[in-house]
């Protein structure tokens, strides 16, 4: 199996080690492989979406990114039924988007947020 090297900050390593122990993974490599597999499966699931969908998009970001959130949001006004902004701690915010529209547009808004490095977490839930 090829070996790759990654750089992680100390906070992520500490959280990774806690998660490894909690979930019973034998080592860091095993939990990183499982994480990559999950990410690939999630991406495949999103790519396979089709038709008209109801969905919820959750985005967590630092509050300095509000302008970028607004710019992305305005580009997808036609599929956003509801948008809720909530401050979740001293410098992070949660955005909840209730979406209804073509799967292609829902994939596009999801990818816009996923591709932005300032977003801490992006999750799409499809009903």
Protein backbone atom coordinates (compact mmCIF):
# COMPACT_ATOMS: atom_id res chain seq x y z
CA UNK A 1 0.00 0.00 0.00
CA UNK A 2 1.47 3.41 -0.94
CA UNK A 3 2.33 5.77 1.91
CA UNK A 4 1.31 9.43 1.83
CA UNK A 5 2.21 12.21 4.22
CA UNK A 6 -0.22 14.84 5.55
CA UNK A 7 0.16 17.85 7.80
CA UNK A 8 -2.36 18.38 10.60
CA UNK A 9 -2.41 20.97 13.35
CA UNK A 10 -2.14 19.84 16.97
CA UNK A 11 -5.88 20.35 17.69
CA UNK A 12 -6.88 18.05 14.82
CA UNK A 13 -4.35 15.42 15.91
CA UNK A 14 -5.71 15.49 19.47
CA UNK A 15 -9.31 15.16 18.23
CA UNK A 16 -8.27 12.40 15.81
CA UNK A 17 -6.58 10.47 18.64
CA UNK A 18 -9.67 10.81 20.86
CA UNK A 19 -11.92 9.62 18.04
CA UNK A 20 -9.58 6.74 17.24
CA UNK A 21 -9.75 5.48 20.80
CA UNK A 22 -13.51 6.06 21.12
CA UNK A 23 -14.31 4.22 17.86
CA UNK A 24 -11.75 1.47 18.44
CA UNK A 25 -9.51 2.04 15.44
CA UNK A 26 -6.08 0.42 15.83
CA UNK A 27 -4.14 3.46 14.66
CA UNK A 28 -4.19 6.83 12.96
CA UNK A 29 -3.76 5.34 9.48
CA UNK A 30 -6.84 3.18 9.93
CA UNK A 31 -9.06 6.07 10.99
CA UNK A 32 -7.72 8.31 8.20
CA UNK A 33 -8.45 5.56 5.62
CA UNK A 34 -11.98 5.17 7.00
CA UNK A 35 -12.48 8.95 6.85
CA UNK A 36 -11.34 9.13 3.23
CA UNK A 37 -13.65 6.22 2.31
CA UNK A 38 -16.58 8.02 3.98
CA UNK A 39 -15.78 11.25 2.13
CA UNK A 40 -15.62 9.40 -1.20
CA UNK A 41 -18.94 7.65 -0.52
CA UNK A 42 -20.59 10.95 0.44
CA UNK A 43 -19.32 12.60 -2.74
CA UNK A 44 -20.62 9.69 -4.83
CA UNK A 45 -24.02 9.92 -3.11
CA UNK A 46 -24.25 13.64 -3.88
CA UNK A 47 -23.15 13.13 -7.50
CA UNK A 48 -25.89 10.52 -8.02
CA UNK A 49 -28.71 12.86 -6.97
CA UNK A 50 -31.19 13.68 -9.71
CA UNK A 51 -34.59 15.23 -10.25
CA UNK A 52 -36.31 17.81 -8.09
CA UNK A 53 -35.36 17.55 -4.42
CA UNK A 54 -36.15 18.85 -0.98
CA UNK A 55 -32.98 19.15 1.09
CA UNK A 56 -31.31 20.90 4.00
CA UNK A 57 -27.79 22.29 3.76
CA UNK A 58 -25.92 23.00 7.00
CA UNK A 59 -22.81 25.19 6.95
CA UNK A 60 -20.58 26.09 9.91
CA UNK A 61 -18.08 28.90 9.38
CA UNK A 62 -16.19 31.63 11.18
CA UNK A 63 -18.15 34.85 11.48
CA UNK A 64 -15.61 36.71 9.32
CA UNK A 65 -16.97 34.75 6.33
CA UNK A 66 -20.46 36.31 6.41
CA UNK A 67 -19.84 38.26 3.19
CA UNK A 68 -18.81 35.10 1.31
CA UNK A 69 -21.89 33.29 2.61
CA UNK A 70 -24.05 36.14 1.38
CA UNK A 71 -22.47 36.10 -2.09
CA UNK A 72 -23.01 32.36 -2.49
CA UNK A 73 -26.54 32.61 -1.12
CA UNK A 74 -27.57 35.31 -3.60
CA UNK A 75 -26.39 33.14 -6.48
CA UNK A 76 -28.88 30.45 -5.48
CA UNK A 77 -31.92 32.48 -4.35
CA UNK A 78 -34.25 30.53 -6.64
CA UNK A 79 -33.71 27.23 -4.75
CA UNK A 80 -33.47 28.61 -1.19
CA UNK A 81 -36.86 28.43 0.52
CA UNK A 82 -35.57 29.30 3.98
CA UNK A 83 -32.28 30.58 5.34
CA UNK A 84 -31.50 30.71 9.06
CA UNK A 85 -28.33 32.27 10.46
CA UNK A 86 -27.37 31.49 14.06
CA UNK A 87 -24.27 32.36 16.06
CA UNK A 88 -23.12 29.16 17.81
CA UNK A 89 -20.17 30.45 19.82
CA UNK A 90 -17.97 33.51 20.10
CA UNK A 91 -16.71 33.47 16.52
CA UNK A 92 -18.56 30.74 14.61
CA UNK A 93 -21.93 30.69 12.88
CA UNK A 94 -24.36 28.05 11.64
CA UNK A 95 -26.25 28.60 8.40
CA UNK A 96 -29.27 26.43 7.67
CA UNK A 97 -30.61 26.44 4.12
CA UNK A 98 -33.88 24.70 3.29
CA UNK A 99 -33.64 24.01 -0.43
CA UNK A 100 -36.11 22.95 -3.11
CA UNK A 101 -35.08 22.57 -6.71
CA UNK A 102 -33.21 20.67 -9.34
CA UNK A 103 -30.55 18.30 -8.03
CA UNK A 104 -27.94 19.98 -10.24
CA UNK A 105 -28.47 23.33 -8.50
CA UNK A 106 -28.45 21.71 -5.06
CA UNK A 107 -25.16 20.00 -5.94
CA UNK A 108 -23.77 23.33 -7.18
CA UNK A 109 -24.53 25.25 -3.98
CA UNK A 110 -23.17 22.38 -1.89
CA UNK A 111 -19.92 22.33 -3.87
CA UNK A 112 -19.59 26.13 -3.60
CA UNK A 113 -19.58 25.84 0.18
CA UNK A 114 -17.44 22.69 0.27
CA UNK A 115 -14.84 24.35 -1.93
CA UNK A 116 -14.49 27.35 0.36
CA UNK A 117 -11.65 26.82 2.85
CA UNK A 118 -13.27 29.14 5.37
CA UNK A 119 -16.16 26.73 5.90
CA UNK A 120 -15.60 24.43 8.88
CA UNK A 121 -18.34 21.96 8.01
CA UNK A 122 -20.79 21.48 5.18
CA UNK A 123 -23.51 18.81 5.30
CA UNK A 124 -26.28 18.09 2.84
CA UNK A 125 -29.35 16.17 3.99
CA UNK A 126 -31.73 15.06 1.25
CA UNK A 127 -35.30 14.01 1.99
